[in-house]
Protein backbone atom coordinates (compact mmCIF):
# COMPACT_ATOMS: atom_id res chain seq x y z
CA UNK A 1 -10.71 0.43 13.89
CA UNK A 2 -10.60 -1.77 10.84
CA UNK A 3 -8.17 -1.74 7.93
CA UNK A 4 -8.71 -4.21 5.10
CA UNK A 5 -6.59 -4.65 2.01
CA UNK A 6 -7.92 -5.98 -1.31
CA UNK A 7 -6.54 -6.65 -4.73
CA UNK A 8 -3.58 -8.93 -4.28
CA UNK A 9 -2.99 -11.83 -6.63
CA UNK A 10 -0.61 -13.50 -9.03
CA UNK A 11 0.67 -11.81 -12.16
CA UNK A 12 3.41 -12.28 -14.70
CA UNK A 13 6.36 -9.91 -14.89
CA UNK A 14 5.30 -6.71 -16.56
CA UNK A 15 1.74 -7.06 -15.30
CA UNK A 16 -0.23 -4.72 -13.09
CA UNK A 17 -2.35 -4.85 -9.96
CA UNK A 18 -4.24 -2.27 -7.96
CA UNK A 19 -4.41 -2.70 -4.21
CA UNK A 20 -7.16 -1.08 -2.19
CA UNK A 21 -7.19 -0.33 1.51
CA UNK A 22 -10.51 0.41 3.18
CA UNK A 23 -10.34 2.16 6.55
CA UNK A 24 -13.13 2.40 9.11
CA UNK A 25 -13.22 3.71 12.64
CA UNK A 26 -10.66 6.47 12.05
CA UNK A 27 -10.92 10.02 10.70
CA UNK A 28 -9.38 8.89 7.41
CA UNK A 29 -8.68 12.36 6.08
CA UNK A 30 -6.44 13.15 9.02
CA UNK A 31 -4.15 10.14 8.72
CA UNK A 32 -1.05 9.46 6.67
CA UNK A 33 -1.59 6.36 4.57
CA UNK A 34 1.20 3.97 3.73
CA UNK A 35 1.82 0.76 1.88
CA UNK A 36 4.49 -1.62 3.11
CA UNK A 37 5.59 -5.05 2.01
CA UNK A 38 7.38 -8.06 3.40
CA UNK A 39 9.28 -9.89 0.65
CA UNK A 40 9.95 -13.60 1.27
CA UNK A 41 12.72 -14.00 3.81
CA UNK A 42 13.17 -10.26 4.30
CA UNK A 43 12.15 -7.50 6.67
CA UNK A 44 9.10 -5.34 6.12
CA UNK A 45 9.89 -2.28 4.01
CA UNK A 46 8.08 0.91 3.18
CA UNK A 47 6.76 0.99 -0.37
CA UNK A 48 4.85 4.25 -0.57
CA UNK A 49 3.46 6.88 1.78
CA UNK A 50 0.88 9.56 1.13
CA UNK A 51 0.23 12.53 3.37
CA UNK A 52 -3.16 13.34 4.79
CA UNK A 53 -3.74 16.12 2.28
CA UNK A 54 -2.99 13.82 -0.62
CA UNK A 55 -0.15 16.00 -1.86
CA UNK A 56 3.04 14.66 -0.30
CA UNK A 57 4.30 11.27 -1.39
CA UNK A 58 7.36 9.18 -0.72
CA UNK A 59 8.31 6.05 -2.64
CA UNK A 60 10.84 3.30 -2.20
CA UNK A 61 13.49 3.83 -4.92
CA UNK A 62 12.76 0.38 -6.36
CA UNK A 63 9.14 1.27 -7.15
CA UNK A 64 9.44 4.89 -8.23
CA UNK A 65 7.94 5.41 -11.64
CA UNK A 66 6.06 2.10 -11.46
CA UNK A 67 3.82 2.41 -8.39
CA UNK A 68 1.39 5.19 -7.54
CA UNK A 69 -0.25 5.74 -4.17
CA UNK A 70 -3.51 7.65 -3.96
CA UNK A 71 -6.48 8.15 -1.68
CA UNK A 72 -10.19 8.80 -2.01
CA UNK A 73 -11.44 10.52 1.11
CA UNK A 74 -15.07 10.07 0.07
CA UNK A 75 -14.56 6.30 0.21
CA UNK A 76 -12.09 6.12 3.14
CA UNK A 77 -9.88 4.17 0.77
CA UNK A 78 -6.23 4.28 -0.20
CA UNK A 79 -4.89 2.69 -3.35
CA UNK A 80 -1.61 1.41 -4.68
CA UNK A 81 -1.46 1.11 -8.44
CA UNK A 82 1.40 -1.20 -9.33
CA UNK A 83 2.55 -1.32 -12.93
CA UNK A 84 5.35 -3.24 -14.62
CA UNK A 85 5.56 -5.66 -11.72
CA UNK A 86 8.81 -7.53 -11.28
CA UNK A 87 9.79 -10.73 -9.46
CA UNK A 88 11.23 -8.70 -6.60
CA UNK A 89 7.85 -7.09 -5.96
CA UNK A 90 6.57 -10.38 -4.60
CA UNK A 91 5.53 -10.20 -0.98
CA UNK A 92 2.75 -9.55 1.47
CA UNK A 93 1.54 -5.97 1.14
CA UNK A 94 0.21 -4.16 4.18
CA UNK A 95 -1.70 -0.93 4.51
CA UNK A 96 -1.12 1.42 7.40
CA UNK A 97 -2.89 4.50 8.73
CA UNK A 98 -0.75 6.64 10.99
CA UNK A 99 -0.65 9.94 12.80
CA UNK A 100 2.10 11.12 15.10
CA UNK A 101 -0.25 11.99 17.94
CA UNK A 102 -2.51 8.96 17.54
CA UNK A 103 -0.38 5.97 16.64
CA UNK A 104 -0.68 3.60 13.70
CA UNK A 105 -3.02 0.86 12.60
CA UNK A 106 -2.35 -1.98 10.19
CA UNK A 107 -4.30 -4.32 7.97
CA UNK A 108 -3.67 -8.05 7.78
CA UNK A 109 -2.00 -7.86 4.40
CA UNK A 110 -2.63 -9.14 0.91
CA UNK A 111 -0.33 -11.42 -1.06
CA UNK A 112 1.22 -10.26 -4.31
CA UNK A 113 3.08 -12.86 -6.34
CA UNK A 114 4.96 -12.10 -9.53
CA UNK A 115 5.93 -15.23 -11.38
CA UNK A 116 6.23 -16.55 -14.90
């Protein structure tokens, strides 16, 4: 199993980034995909989750209306479009693939830094 995140970087407040998460070694279409982040000095928190069918989503209140999670089953890839980034969005972003009867797998994370 391999989960790799791409797309992190440094942006100014108000900027945008799109994170990608490529999954291999799992039946991607049968797993719930999630994005999590660890802000500096804080615990890891859930940012967005997308059900296996691509219909059900759940967002952290702080990112609702700014972030969008999606998935492309043909590419075994999940995305997190992040718009209007703010200082408090800074952190290491992790992708997760999970299923209740199979466990969860994590990527190594990608750094997102919002600074002026």
